[in-house]
PDB file of N, CA and C in Angstrom:
ATOM      1  N   MET A   1      28.939 -15.874   5.118  1.00  0.00           N
ATOM      2  CA  MET A   1      27.223 -16.174   5.178  1.00  0.00           C
ATOM      3  C   MET A   1      26.837 -14.861   4.603  1.00  0.00           C
ATOM      4  N   ILE A   2      26.873 -13.997   5.091  1.00  0.00           N
ATOM      5  CA  ILE A   2      26.272 -12.335   4.176  1.00  0.00           C
ATOM      6  C   ILE A   2      26.387 -12.585   3.140  1.00  0.00           C
ATOM      7  N   TYR A   3      27.720 -12.739   2.228  1.00  0.00           N
ATOM      8  CA  TYR A   3      27.568 -12.535   0.830  1.00  0.00           C
ATOM      9  C   TYR A   3      26.713 -13.823   0.388  1.00  0.00           C
ATOM     10  N   LEU A   4      26.913 -14.928   1.031  1.00  0.00           N
ATOM     11  CA  LEU A   4      25.935 -16.081  -0.094  1.00  0.00           C
ATOM     12  C   LEU A   4      25.035 -15.729   0.038  1.00  0.00           C
ATOM     13  N   ALA A   5      24.368 -15.180   1.473  1.00  0.00           N
ATOM     14  CA  ALA A   5      22.844 -14.650   1.179  1.00  0.00           C
ATOM     15  C   ALA A   5      22.431 -13.921   0.419  1.00  0.00           C
ATOM     16  N   ALA A   6      23.523 -12.282   0.063  1.00  0.00           N
ATOM     17  CA  ALA A   6      23.333 -11.466  -0.043  1.00  0.00           C
ATOM     18  C   ALA A   6      23.282 -11.693  -1.637  1.00  0.00           C
ATOM     19  N   SER A   7      23.861 -12.541  -2.378  1.00  0.00           N
ATOM     20  CA  SER A   7      24.236 -13.156  -3.742  1.00  0.00           C
ATOM     21  C   SER A   7      22.889 -13.984  -4.056  1.00  0.00           C
ATOM     22  N   LEU A   8      22.400 -14.701  -3.197  1.00  0.00           N
ATOM     23  CA  LEU A   8      21.368 -15.477  -4.012  1.00  0.00           C
ATOM     24  C   LEU A   8      20.124 -14.670  -3.847  1.00  0.00           C
ATOM     25  N   ALA A   9      19.845 -13.693  -2.688  1.00  0.00           N
ATOM     26  CA  ALA A   9      18.533 -12.952  -2.954  1.00  0.00           C
ATOM     27  C   ALA A   9      18.501 -12.221  -3.937  1.00  0.00           C
ATOM     28  N   VAL A  10      20.133 -11.457  -4.543  1.00  0.00           N
ATOM     29  CA  VAL A  10      19.769 -11.210  -5.365  1.00  0.00           C
ATOM     30  C   VAL A  10      19.282 -11.295  -6.781  1.00  0.00           C
ATOM     31  N   LEU A  11      20.713 -12.577  -7.059  1.00  0.00           N
ATOM     32  CA  LEU A  11      20.078 -14.127  -7.931  1.00  0.00           C
ATOM     33  C   LEU A  11      19.076 -14.360  -8.370  1.00  0.00           C
ATOM     34  N   GLY A  12      18.406 -14.554  -6.535  1.00  0.00           N
ATOM     35  CA  GLY A  12      16.727 -14.929  -6.890  1.00  0.00           C
ATOM     36  C   GLY A  12      15.497 -13.827  -7.809  1.00  0.00           C
ATOM     37  N   PHE A  13      16.086 -12.657  -7.097  1.00  0.00           N
ATOM     38  CA  PHE A  13      15.137 -11.277  -7.457  1.00  0.00           C
ATOM     39  C   PHE A  13      15.120 -10.972  -8.611  1.00  0.00           C
ATOM     40  N   MET A  14      16.215 -11.652  -9.731  1.00  0.00           N
ATOM     41  CA  MET A  14      16.557 -11.193 -10.474  1.00  0.00           C
ATOM     42  C   MET A  14      16.118 -12.473 -11.788  1.00  0.00           C
ATOM     43  N   VAL A  15      15.787 -13.953 -11.583  1.00  0.00           N
ATOM     44  CA  VAL A  15      15.395 -14.838 -11.730  1.00  0.00           C
ATOM     45  C   VAL A  15      14.495 -14.653 -11.441  1.00  0.00           C
ATOM     46  N   ALA A  16      13.650 -14.055 -10.711  1.00  0.00           N
ATOM     47  CA  ALA A  16      11.924 -13.730 -10.365  1.00  0.00           C
ATOM     48  C   ALA A  16      11.338 -12.462 -11.492  1.00  0.00           C
ATOM     49  N   LEU A  17      12.244 -11.552 -11.463  1.00  0.00           N
ATOM     50  CA  LEU A  17      11.601 -10.678 -12.511  1.00  0.00           C
ATOM     51  C   LEU A  17      11.686 -11.009 -13.862  1.00  0.00           C
ATOM     52  N   GLU A  18      12.380 -12.028 -14.521  1.00  0.00           N
ATOM     53  CA  GLU A  18      12.427 -12.742 -15.666  1.00  0.00           C
ATOM     54  C   GLU A  18      11.586 -13.423 -15.859  1.00  0.00           C
ATOM     55  N   GLY A  19      11.435 -14.202 -14.882  1.00  0.00           N
ATOM     56  CA  GLY A  19      10.482 -15.281 -14.825  1.00  0.00           C
ATOM     57  C   GLY A  19       9.123 -14.652 -14.995  1.00  0.00           C
ATOM     58  N   LEU A  20       8.725 -13.480 -14.580  1.00  0.00           N
ATOM     59  CA  LEU A  20       7.221 -13.139 -14.205  1.00  0.00           C
ATOM     60  C   LEU A  20       7.190 -12.152 -15.377  1.00  0.00           C
ATOM     61  N   GLY A  21       8.324 -12.109 -16.249  1.00  0.00           N
ATOM     62  CA  GLY A  21       7.369 -11.051 -17.236  1.00  0.00           C
ATOM     63  C   GLY A  21       7.940  -9.933 -17.275  1.00  0.00           C
ATOM     64  N   VAL A  22       8.483  -9.186 -16.605  1.00  0.00           N
ATOM     65  CA  VAL A  22       8.314  -8.088 -15.876  1.00  0.00           C
ATOM     66  C   VAL A  22       9.397  -7.099 -17.537  1.00  0.00           C
ATOM     67  N   LEU A  23      10.478  -7.827 -17.831  1.00  0.00           N
ATOM     68  CA  LEU A  23      11.034  -7.215 -19.047  1.00  0.00           C
ATOM     69  C   LEU A  23      10.060  -6.899 -20.120  1.00  0.00           C
ATOM     70  N   GLN A  24       9.562  -8.117 -20.490  1.00  0.00           N
ATOM     71  CA  GLN A  24       8.430  -8.133 -21.344  1.00  0.00           C
ATOM     72  C   GLN A  24       7.375  -7.331 -21.657  1.00  0.00           C
ATOM     73  N   VAL A  25       7.250  -6.664 -19.955  1.00  0.00           N
ATOM     74  CA  VAL A  25       5.871  -5.579 -19.640  1.00  0.00           C
ATOM     75  C   VAL A  25       6.707  -4.512 -20.007  1.00  0.00           C
ATOM     76  N   ALA A  26       7.552  -4.023 -19.840  1.00  0.00           N
ATOM     77  CA  ALA A  26       8.624  -3.134 -19.247  1.00  0.00           C
ATOM     78  C   ALA A  26       8.458  -2.694 -21.395  1.00  0.00           C
ATOM     79  N   ALA A  27       8.540  -3.874 -22.073  1.00  0.00           N
ATOM     80  CA  ALA A  27       8.760  -3.387 -23.460  1.00  0.00           C
ATOM     81  C   ALA A  27       8.333  -3.836 -24.379  1.00  0.00           C
ATOM     82  N   ASP A  28       6.929  -3.962 -23.782  1.00  0.00           N
ATOM     83  CA  ASP A  28       5.207  -3.775 -24.727  1.00  0.00           C
ATOM     84  C   ASP A  28       4.897  -1.822 -24.345  1.00  0.00           C
ATOM     85  N   ALA A  29       5.518  -1.482 -22.577  1.00  0.00           N
ATOM     86  CA  ALA A  29       4.893   0.047 -22.411  1.00  0.00           C
ATOM     87  C   ALA A  29       5.839   0.638 -23.276  1.00  0.00           C
ATOM     88  N   ILE A  30       7.149   0.488 -23.545  1.00  0.00           N
ATOM     89  CA  ILE A  30       8.399   1.540 -24.711  1.00  0.00           C
ATOM     90  C   ILE A  30       7.577   1.203 -25.864  1.00  0.00           C
ATOM     91  N   ARG A  31       7.004   0.243 -26.126  1.00  0.00           N
ATOM     92  CA  ARG A  31       6.543  -0.064 -27.729  1.00  0.00           C
ATOM     93  C   ARG A  31       5.205   0.997 -28.009  1.00  0.00           C
ATOM     94  N   THR A  32       4.506   1.038 -26.708  1.00  0.00           N
ATOM     95  CA  THR A  32       3.269   1.193 -26.985  1.00  0.00           C
ATOM     96  C   THR A  32       3.207   3.436 -26.604  1.00  0.00           C
ATOM     97  N   SER A  33       4.038   3.524 -25.800  1.00  0.00           N
ATOM     98  CA  SER A  33       4.513   5.232 -25.712  1.00  0.00           C
ATOM     99  C   SER A  33       5.200   5.458 -27.248  1.00  0.00           C
ATOM    100  N   ARG A  34       5.910   4.528 -27.547  1.00  0.00           N
ATOM    101  CA  ARG A  34       6.644   5.373 -29.380  1.00  0.00           C
ATOM    102  C   ARG A  34       5.368   5.173 -30.008  1.00  0.00           C
ATOM    103  N   ALA A  35       4.224   4.389 -30.228  1.00  0.00           N
ATOM    104  CA  ALA A  35       3.645   4.154 -31.227  1.00  0.00           C
ATOM    105  C   ALA A  35       2.225   5.392 -31.161  1.00  0.00           C
ATOM    106  N   ALA A  36       2.101   5.749 -29.628  1.00  0.00           N
ATOM    107  CA  ALA A  36       1.078   7.064 -29.297  1.00  0.00           C
ATOM    108  C   ALA A  36       2.069   7.840 -30.078  1.00  0.00           C
ATOM    109  N   ALA A  37       2.705   8.228 -29.508  1.00  0.00           N
ATOM    110  CA  ALA A  37       4.032   9.114 -30.273  1.00  0.00           C
ATOM    111  C   ALA A  37       4.104   9.323 -31.663  1.00  0.00           C
ATOM    112  N   GLY A  38       4.261   8.394 -32.047  1.00  0.00           N
ATOM    113  CA  GLY A  38       3.872   8.754 -34.541  1.00  0.00           C
ATOM    114  C   GLY A  38       2.524   9.674 -33.844  1.00  0.00           C
ATOM    115  N   VAL A  39       1.635   8.114 -33.849  1.00  0.00           N
ATOM    116  CA  VAL A  39       0.010   8.686 -34.195  1.00  0.00           C
ATOM    117  C   VAL A  39      -0.070  10.756 -33.954  1.00  0.00           C
ATOM    118  N   VAL A  40       0.659  11.145 -32.843  1.00  0.00           N
ATOM    119  CA  VAL A  40       0.241  12.544 -32.571  1.00  0.00           C
ATOM    120  C   VAL A  40       0.946  12.985 -33.579  1.00  0.00           C
ATOM    121  N   ARG A  41       2.523  12.656 -33.708  1.00  0.00           N
ATOM    122  CA  ARG A  41       3.279  13.501 -34.987  1.00  0.00           C
ATOM    123  C   ARG A  41       2.475  12.757 -36.237  1.00  0.00           C
ATOM    124  N   ASP A  42       1.421  11.987 -36.993  1.00  0.00           N
ATOM    125  CA  ASP A  42       0.296  11.747 -38.272  1.00  0.00           C
ATOM    126  C   ASP A  42      -0.028  12.950 -38.886  1.00  0.00           C
ATOM    127  N   ARG A  43       0.459  14.049 -39.451  1.00  0.00           N
ATOM    128  CA  ARG A  43      -0.457  14.863 -39.549  1.00  0.00           C
ATOM    129  C   ARG A  43      -1.674  14.473 -40.362  1.00  0.00           C
ATOM    130  N   SER A  44      -1.618  13.121 -41.106  1.00  0.00           N
ATOM    131  CA  SER A  44      -2.968  12.904 -41.499  1.00  0.00           C
ATOM    132  C   SER A  44      -4.686  11.890 -40.626  1.00  0.00           C
ATOM    133  N   LEU A  45      -4.057  12.047 -39.209  1.00  0.00           N
ATOM    134  CA  LEU A  45      -5.304  12.274 -38.485  1.00  0.00           C
ATOM    135  C   LEU A  45      -6.214  13.122 -37.623  1.00  0.00           C
ATOM    136  N   SER A  46      -6.859  13.298 -37.315  1.00  0.00           N
ATOM    137  CA  SER A  46      -7.521  13.918 -37.057  1.00  0.00           C
ATOM    138  C   SER A  46      -7.254  13.960 -35.399  1.00  0.00           C
ATOM    139  N   ASP A  47      -7.545  15.160 -34.884  1.00  0.00           N
ATOM    140  CA  ASP A  47      -7.266  15.847 -33.758  1.00  0.00           C
ATOM    141  C   ASP A  47      -7.701  14.339 -33.362  1.00  0.00           C
ATOM    142  N   GLU A  48      -9.045  14.274 -33.013  1.00  0.00           N
ATOM    143  CA  GLU A  48     -10.094  12.794 -32.550  1.00  0.00           C
ATOM    144  C   GLU A  48      -9.648  12.212 -32.852  1.00  0.00           C
ATOM    145  N   GLU A  49      -9.112  11.218 -33.720  1.00  0.00           N
ATOM    146  CA  GLU A  49      -8.451   9.922 -33.952  1.00  0.00           C
ATOM    147  C   GLU A  49      -7.122  10.181 -32.984  1.00  0.00           C
ATOM    148  N   LYS A  50      -6.401  11.563 -33.100  1.00  0.00           N
ATOM    149  CA  LYS A  50      -5.595  11.232 -32.534  1.00  0.00           C
ATOM    150  C   LYS A  50      -5.723  10.700 -30.786  1.00  0.00           C
ATOM    151  N   GLU A  51      -6.745  11.748 -30.295  1.00  0.00           N
ATOM    152  CA  GLU A  51      -7.290  11.868 -28.659  1.00  0.00           C
ATOM    153  C   GLU A  51      -7.625  10.436 -28.637  1.00  0.00           C
ATOM    154  N   ARG A  52      -8.142   9.664 -29.510  1.00  0.00           N
ATOM    155  CA  ARG A  52      -8.992   8.207 -29.161  1.00  0.00           C
ATOM    156  C   ARG A  52      -7.480   7.641 -29.513  1.00  0.00           C
ATOM    157  N   SER A  53      -6.596   7.355 -29.887  1.00  0.00           N
ATOM    158  CA  SER A  53      -5.370   6.725 -30.088  1.00  0.00           C
ATOM    159  C   SER A  53      -4.358   6.895 -28.931  1.00  0.00           C
ATOM    160  N   VAL A  54      -4.217   8.429 -28.416  1.00  0.00           N
ATOM    161  CA  VAL A  54      -3.657   8.368 -26.665  1.00  0.00           C
ATOM    162  C   VAL A  54      -3.992   7.875 -25.806  1.00  0.00           C
ATOM    163  N   ARG A  55      -5.150   8.172 -25.979  1.00  0.00           N
ATOM    164  CA  ARG A  55      -6.531   7.330 -24.736  1.00  0.00           C
ATOM    165  C   ARG A  55      -5.937   6.316 -24.526  1.00  0.00           C
ATOM    166  N   ALA A  56      -6.007   5.127 -25.949  1.00  0.00           N
ATOM    167  CA  ALA A  56      -6.162   4.225 -25.492  1.00  0.00           C
ATOM    168  C   ALA A  56      -4.817   3.620 -24.971  1.00  0.00           C
ATOM    169  N   ALA A  57      -3.908   4.559 -25.003  1.00  0.00           N
ATOM    170  CA  ALA A  57      -2.288   3.876 -25.343  1.00  0.00           C
ATOM    171  C   ALA A  57      -2.082   4.122 -23.554  1.00  0.00           C
ATOM    172  N   SER A  58      -2.815   5.309 -23.255  1.00  0.00           N
ATOM    173  CA  SER A  58      -2.977   5.949 -21.541  1.00  0.00           C
ATOM    174  C   SER A  58      -3.490   4.528 -20.337  1.00  0.00           C
ATOM    175  N   VAL A  59      -4.644   4.416 -21.193  1.00  0.00           N
ATOM    176  CA  VAL A  59      -5.040   2.861 -20.197  1.00  0.00           C
ATOM    177  C   VAL A  59      -3.720   1.759 -20.260  1.00  0.00           C
ATOM    178  N   THR A  60      -3.497   1.471 -21.719  1.00  0.00           N
ATOM    179  CA  THR A  60      -2.873   0.770 -21.990  1.00  0.00           C
ATOM    180  C   THR A  60      -1.354   0.284 -20.689  1.00  0.00           C
ATOM    181  N   LEU A  61      -0.659   1.798 -21.111  1.00  0.00           N
ATOM    182  CA  LEU A  61       0.017   1.710 -20.367  1.00  0.00           C
ATOM    183  C   LEU A  61       0.286   1.992 -18.084  1.00  0.00           C
ATOM    184  N   VAL A  62      -1.232   2.652 -17.999  1.00  0.00           N
ATOM    185  CA  VAL A  62      -1.225   2.414 -16.843  1.00  0.00           C
ATOM    186  C   VAL A  62      -1.066   0.822 -16.764  1.00  0.00           C
ATOM    187  N   LYS A  63      -2.030   0.195 -17.097  1.00  0.00           N
ATOM    188  CA  LYS A  63      -1.887  -1.002 -16.461  1.00  0.00           C
ATOM    189  C   LYS A  63      -0.302  -1.893 -17.090  1.00  0.00           C
ATOM    190  N   GLY A  64      -0.099  -1.720 -17.955  1.00  0.00           N
ATOM    191  CA  GLY A  64       1.027  -1.613 -17.394  1.00  0.00           C
ATOM    192  C   GLY A  64       2.419  -1.059 -16.485  1.00  0.00           C
ATOM    193  N   PHE A  65       1.986  -0.314 -15.560  1.00  0.00           N
ATOM    194  CA  PHE A  65       2.456  -0.070 -14.502  1.00  0.00           C
ATOM    195  C   PHE A  65       2.077  -0.226 -13.272  1.00  0.00           C
ATOM    196  N   VAL A  66       1.286  -0.766 -13.645  1.00  0.00           N
ATOM    197  CA  VAL A  66       0.671  -1.693 -12.237  1.00  0.00           C
ATOM    198  C   VAL A  66       1.110  -3.249 -12.838  1.00  0.00           C
ATOM    199  N   SER A  67       0.641  -3.785 -13.535  1.00  0.00           N
ATOM    200  CA  SER A  67       1.257  -4.964 -13.654  1.00  0.00           C
ATOM    201  C   SER A  67       3.468  -5.387 -13.440  1.00  0.00           C
ATOM    202  N   ILE A  68       3.889  -4.096 -13.862  1.00  0.00           N
ATOM    203  CA  ILE A  68       5.041  -4.041 -13.795  1.00  0.00           C
ATOM    204  C   ILE A  68       5.736  -4.231 -11.659  1.00  0.00           C
ATOM    205  N   GLY A  69       4.768  -2.949 -11.763  1.00  0.00           N
ATOM    206  CA  GLY A  69       5.022  -2.787  -9.907  1.00  0.00           C
ATOM    207  C   GLY A  69       4.408  -3.934  -9.133  1.00  0.00           C
ATOM    208  N   SER A  70       3.307  -4.567  -9.397  1.00  0.00           N
ATOM    209  CA  SER A  70       2.781  -5.684  -8.698  1.00  0.00           C
ATOM    210  C   SER A  70       3.717  -7.588  -8.940  1.00  0.00           C
ATOM    211  N   ARG A  71       4.600  -7.169 -10.541  1.00  0.00           N
ATOM    212  CA  ARG A  71       5.433  -8.539 -10.195  1.00  0.00           C
ATOM    213  C   ARG A  71       6.534  -8.154  -9.992  1.00  0.00           C
ATOM    214  N   THR A  72       7.412  -6.765  -9.188  1.00  0.00           N
ATOM    215  CA  THR A  72       7.836  -6.354  -8.900  1.00  0.00           C
ATOM    216  C   THR A  72       7.972  -6.244  -7.854  1.00  0.00           C
ATOM    217  N   VAL A  73       7.022  -6.798  -6.414  1.00  0.00           N
ATOM    218  CA  VAL A  73       6.659  -6.872  -5.711  1.00  0.00           C
ATOM    219  C   VAL A  73       6.985  -8.221  -5.048  1.00  0.00           C
ATOM    220  N   LEU A  74       5.945  -8.542  -6.261  1.00  0.00           N
ATOM    221  CA  LEU A  74       6.611 -11.087  -6.138  1.00  0.00           C
ATOM    222  C   LEU A  74       8.038 -10.409  -5.973  1.00  0.00           C
ATOM    223  N   ALA A  75       8.939 -10.426  -6.867  1.00  0.00           N
ATOM    224  CA  ALA A  75      10.010 -10.493  -7.132  1.00  0.00           C
ATOM    225  C   ALA A  75      10.874 -10.448  -5.552  1.00  0.00           C
ATOM    226  N   ALA A  76      10.429  -9.176  -5.412  1.00  0.00           N
ATOM    227  CA  ALA A  76      10.832  -8.670  -4.074  1.00  0.00           C
ATOM    228  C   ALA A  76      10.479  -9.817  -2.503  1.00  0.00           C
ATOM    229  N   GLY A  77       9.109 -10.300  -3.438  1.00  0.00           N
ATOM    230  CA  GLY A  77       8.811 -11.423  -1.573  1.00  0.00           C
ATOM    231  C   GLY A  77       9.624 -11.901  -1.996  1.00  0.00           C
ATOM    232  N   LEU A  78       9.983 -12.265  -2.719  1.00  0.00           N
ATOM    233  CA  LEU A  78      11.830 -13.583  -3.430  1.00  0.00           C
ATOM    234  C   LEU A  78      12.677 -13.051  -2.421  1.00  0.00           C
ATOM    235  N   PHE A  79      13.062 -12.043  -2.596  1.00  0.00           N
ATOM    236  CA  PHE A  79      13.947 -12.042  -2.074  1.00  0.00           C
ATOM    237  C   PHE A  79      14.174 -11.500  -0.622  1.00  0.00           C
ATOM    238  N   LEU A  80      13.301 -11.000  -0.046  1.00  0.00           N
ATOM    239  CA  LEU A  80      13.159 -11.388   1.255  1.00  0.00           C
ATOM    240  C   LEU A  80      13.258 -12.718   1.526  1.00  0.00           C
ATOM    241  N   LEU A  81      12.118 -13.708   1.217  1.00  0.00           N
ATOM    242  CA  LEU A  81      12.297 -15.240   1.971  1.00  0.00           C
ATOM    243  C   LEU A  81      13.646 -16.031   1.460  1.00  0.00           C
ATOM    244  N   ILE A  82      14.644 -15.497   0.985  1.00  0.00           N
ATOM    245  CA  ILE A  82      15.728 -15.925   0.668  1.00  0.00           C
ATOM    246  C   ILE A  82      16.760 -15.172   2.288  1.00  0.00           C
ATOM    247  N   LEU A  83      15.921 -14.106   2.446  1.00  0.00           N
ATOM    248  CA  LEU A  83      16.440 -13.877   3.330  1.00  0.00           C
ATOM    249  C   LEU A  83      16.257 -14.459   4.485  1.00  0.00           C
ATOM    250  N   LEU A  84      15.143 -14.551   4.873  1.00  0.00           N
ATOM    251  CA  LEU A  84      14.767 -15.383   5.980  1.00  0.00           C
ATOM    252  C   LEU A  84      14.894 -16.608   6.152  1.00  0.00           C
ATOM    253  N   ALA A  85      15.534 -17.056   4.691  1.00  0.00           N
ATOM    254  CA  ALA A  85      15.979 -18.770   5.222  1.00  0.00           C
ATOM    255  C   ALA A  85      17.188 -18.360   5.920  1.00  0.00           C
ATOM    256  N   PHE A  86      17.606 -17.729   5.953  1.00  0.00           N
ATOM    257  CA  PHE A  86      19.718 -17.987   6.378  1.00  0.00           C
ATOM    258  C   PHE A  86      19.263 -17.462   7.405  1.00  0.00           C
ATOM    259  N   ASP A  87      18.501 -16.642   7.877  1.00  0.00           N
ATOM    260  CA  ASP A  87      17.518 -15.045   9.368  1.00  0.00           C
ATOM    261  C   ASP A  87      17.450 -16.590   9.971  1.00  0.00           C
ATOM    262  N   LEU A  88      16.063 -17.090  10.016  1.00  0.00           N
ATOM    263  CA  LEU A  88      15.846 -18.130  10.956  1.00  0.00           C
ATOM    264  C   LEU A  88      16.737 -19.209  11.269  1.00  0.00           C
ATOM    265  N   PRO A  89      16.971 -20.098  11.036  1.00  0.00           N
ATOM    266  CA  PRO A  89      18.281 -20.920  11.567  1.00  0.00           C
ATOM    267  C   PRO A  89      19.411 -19.925  12.130  1.00  0.00           C
ATOM    268  N   GLY A  90      19.408 -18.433  11.873  1.00  0.00           N
ATOM    269  CA  GLY A  90      20.559 -17.626  12.329  1.00  0.00           C
ATOM    270  C   GLY A  90      22.055 -18.076  11.875  1.00  0.00           C
ATOM    271  N   ALA A  91      21.689 -18.419  10.085  1.00  0.00           N
ATOM    272  CA  ALA A  91      23.148 -18.503   9.084  1.00  0.00           C
ATOM    273  C   ALA A  91      23.512 -16.820   8.919  1.00  0.00           C
ATOM    274  N   ALA A  92      22.651 -16.051   9.307  1.00  0.00           N
ATOM    275  CA  ALA A  92      22.876 -14.872   8.070  1.00  0.00           C
ATOM    276  C   ALA A  92      21.926 -13.607   9.259  1.00  0.00           C
ATOM    277  N   SER A  93      21.895 -13.243   9.540  1.00  0.00           N
ATOM    278  CA  SER A  93      20.697 -11.841  10.235  1.00  0.00           C
ATOM    279  C   SER A  93      20.038 -11.359   8.791  1.00  0.00           C
ATOM    280  N   LEU A  94      19.042 -11.342   8.804  1.00  0.00           N
ATOM    281  CA  LEU A  94      18.248 -10.391   8.103  1.00  0.00           C
ATOM    282  C   LEU A  94      19.188  -9.083   8.166  1.00  0.00           C
ATOM    283  N   GLY A  95      19.532  -8.127   9.396  1.00  0.00           N
ATOM    284  CA  GLY A  95      20.046  -6.573   9.251  1.00  0.00           C
ATOM    285  C   GLY A  95      21.122  -6.728   8.435  1.00  0.00           C
ATOM    286  N   SER A  96      22.065  -8.080   9.400  1.00  0.00           N
ATOM    287  CA  SER A  96      23.512  -7.895   8.380  1.00  0.00           C
ATOM    288  C   SER A  96      23.146  -7.803   7.487  1.00  0.00           C
ATOM    289  N   VAL A  97      22.733  -8.604   6.226  1.00  0.00           N
ATOM    290  CA  VAL A  97      22.506  -8.617   4.860  1.00  0.00           C
ATOM    291  C   VAL A  97      22.514  -7.422   4.715  1.00  0.00           C
ATOM    292  N   THR A  98      21.001  -7.273   5.122  1.00  0.00           N
ATOM    293  CA  THR A  98      20.906  -5.420   4.471  1.00  0.00           C
ATOM    294  C   THR A  98      21.514  -4.898   5.030  1.00  0.00           C
ATOM    295  N   ALA A  99      22.093  -4.624   5.851  1.00  0.00           N
ATOM    296  CA  ALA A  99      23.077  -3.395   6.440  1.00  0.00           C
ATOM    297  C   ALA A  99      24.474  -3.496   5.536  1.00  0.00           C
ATOM    298  N   TRP A 100      25.092  -4.950   5.320  1.00  0.00           N
ATOM    299  CA  TRP A 100      26.108  -4.785   4.270  1.00  0.00           C
ATOM    300  C   TRP A 100      25.705  -4.648   2.802  1.00  0.00           C
ATOM    301  N   LEU A 101      24.113  -4.569   1.982  1.00  0.00           N
ATOM    302  CA  LEU A 101      24.023  -4.656   1.085  1.00  0.00           C
ATOM    303  C   LEU A 101      23.578  -2.905   0.374  1.00  0.00           C
ATOM    304  N   ALA A 102      23.525  -2.049   2.127  1.00  0.00           N
ATOM    305  CA  ALA A 102      23.712  -0.651   2.161  1.00  0.00           C
ATOM    306  C   ALA A 102      25.204  -0.394   1.822  1.00  0.00           C
ATOM    307  N   THR A 103      26.173  -1.059   2.301  1.00  0.00           N
ATOM    308  CA  THR A 103      27.206  -0.172   2.418  1.00  0.00           C
ATOM    309  C   THR A 103      27.699   0.116   0.669  1.00  0.00           C
ATOM    310  N   LEU A 104      29.526   0.696   0.496  1.00  0.00           N
ATOM    311  CA  LEU A 104      29.440   1.083  -1.382  1.00  0.00           C
ATOM    312  C   LEU A 104      30.412  -0.744  -1.278  1.00  0.00           C
ATOM    313  N   GLU A 105      30.655  -1.411  -0.677  1.00  0.00           N
ATOM    314  CA  GLU A 105      30.839  -2.927  -1.140  1.00  0.00           C
ATOM    315  C   GLU A 105      29.761  -3.759  -1.542  1.00  0.00           C
ATOM    316  N   GLY A 106      28.551  -3.207  -0.659  1.00  0.00           N
ATOM    317  CA  GLY A 106      27.189  -4.398  -1.037  1.00  0.00           C
ATOM    318  C   GLY A 106      27.327  -3.642  -2.811  1.00  0.00           C
ATOM    319  N   ILE A 107      26.967  -2.789  -2.651  1.00  0.00           N
ATOM    320  CA  ILE A 107      26.122  -2.298  -3.588  1.00  0.00           C
ATOM    321  C   ILE A 107      27.629  -2.828  -4.665  1.00  0.00           C
ATOM    322  N   VAL A 108      28.811  -2.370  -4.886  1.00  0.00           N
ATOM    323  CA  VAL A 108      29.402  -2.208  -5.952  1.00  0.00           C
ATOM    324  C   VAL A 108      29.111  -4.254  -5.748  1.00  0.00           C
ATOM    325  N   GLY A 109      29.248  -5.183  -5.311  1.00  0.00           N
ATOM    326  CA  GLY A 109      29.467  -6.149  -5.419  1.00  0.00           C
ATOM    327  C   GLY A 109      27.895  -6.507  -5.861  1.00  0.00           C
ATOM    328  N   MET A 110      27.369  -6.083  -5.591  1.00  0.00           N
ATOM    329  CA  MET A 110      26.098  -6.854  -5.995  1.00  0.00           C
ATOM    330  C   MET A 110      25.451  -6.239  -7.422  1.00  0.00           C
ATOM    331  N   SER A 111      26.204  -4.893  -7.441  1.00  0.00           N
ATOM    332  CA  SER A 111      26.307  -4.451  -9.077  1.00  0.00           C
ATOM    333  C   SER A 111      27.541  -5.688 -10.374  1.00  0.00           C
ATOM    334  N   ALA A 112      27.888  -6.211  -9.413  1.00  0.00           N
ATOM    335  CA  ALA A 112      28.945  -6.474 -10.357  1.00  0.00           C
ATOM    336  C   ALA A 112      28.425  -8.004 -10.558  1.00  0.00           C
ATOM    337  N   LEU A 113      27.757  -8.926  -9.672  1.00  0.00           N
ATOM    338  CA  LEU A 113      27.037  -9.587  -9.481  1.00  0.00           C
ATOM    339  C   LEU A 113      25.561 -10.349 -10.835  1.00  0.00           C
ATOM    340  N   VAL A 114      25.283  -8.742 -10.931  1.00  0.00           N
ATOM    341  CA  VAL A 114      23.714  -8.607 -11.499  1.00  0.00           C
ATOM    342  C   VAL A 114      24.860  -8.684 -12.510  1.00  0.00           C
ATOM    343  N   VAL A 115      25.397  -7.473 -13.120  1.00  0.00           N
ATOM    344  CA  VAL A 115      25.699  -7.069 -14.588  1.00  0.00           C
ATOM    345  C   VAL A 115      26.153  -8.778 -15.235  1.00  0.00           C
ATOM    346  N   VAL A 116      27.645  -9.866 -14.266  1.00  0.00           N
ATOM    347  CA  VAL A 116      27.415 -11.563 -14.705  1.00  0.00           C
ATOM    348  C   VAL A 116      26.564 -11.911 -15.023  1.00  0.00           C
ATOM    349  N   TRP A 117      25.482 -11.885 -14.381  1.00  0.00           N
ATOM    350  CA  TRP A 117      24.061 -12.492 -14.687  1.00  0.00           C
ATOM    351  C   TRP A 117      23.862 -12.120 -15.321  1.00  0.00           C
ATOM    352  N   ILE A 118      23.275 -10.827 -16.837  1.00  0.00           N
ATOM    353  CA  ILE A 118      22.997 -10.361 -17.820  1.00  0.00           C
ATOM    354  C   ILE A 118      24.071 -10.543 -18.906  1.00  0.00           C
ATOM    355  N   LEU A 119      25.102 -10.533 -18.524  1.00  0.00           N
ATOM    356  CA  LEU A 119      26.009 -11.403 -19.798  1.00  0.00           C
ATOM    357  C   LEU A 119      26.028 -12.706 -19.875  1.00  0.00           C
ATOM    358  N   VAL A 120      25.588 -13.261 -18.536  1.00  0.00           N
ATOM    359  CA  VAL A 120      25.670 -14.964 -18.817  1.00  0.00           C
ATOM    360  C   VAL A 120      24.191 -15.095 -19.705  1.00  0.00           C
ATOM    361  N   ARG A 121      23.421 -14.193 -19.276  1.00  0.00           N
ATOM    362  CA  ARG A 121      22.415 -14.826 -20.392  1.00  0.00           C
ATOM    363  C   ARG A 121      21.771 -14.598 -21.260  1.00  0.00           C
ATOM    364  N   ARG A 122      22.530 -13.061 -21.825  1.00  0.00           N
ATOM    365  CA  ARG A 122      22.558 -12.472 -23.493  1.00  0.00           C
ATOM    366  C   ARG A 122      23.800 -13.941 -23.925  1.00  0.00           C
ATOM    367  N   ARG A 123      24.056 -14.745 -23.276  1.00  0.00           N
ATOM    368  CA  ARG A 123      25.096 -16.179 -24.316  1.00  0.00           C
ATOM    369  C   ARG A 123      24.400 -16.436 -24.433  1.00  0.00           C
ATOM    370  N   ARG A 124      23.595 -17.286 -23.959  1.00  0.00           N
ATOM    371  CA  ARG A 124      22.454 -17.984 -24.463  1.00  0.00           C
ATOM    372  C   ARG A 124      21.975 -17.780 -25.375  1.00  0.00           C
TER     373      ARG A 124
END
């Protein structure tokens, strides 16, 4: 049951990250960073124009950071709820699942699960 609880919790976390749009917000942050770097390199702009643009990008990036952080906390909440759903009836204790996840076997196993999940998602 420990393996099932861990697998469902990790998959739930991954689905929540996707459903909450974390990847899209992260991609937007990368685009904003690249655009700001392009503005800084643009020799045709004045220093004031560059500064104004970079400040706006900074605000956007901070908002993105907060958004990614809060969405990740929600996804982690789902992870915990799944583990508690196994813990409360006694199917798999929260401590035993988290202890297993911290082992090399748990890390490798869940990493493999995430890789398989990503590959399956890309095929769609």
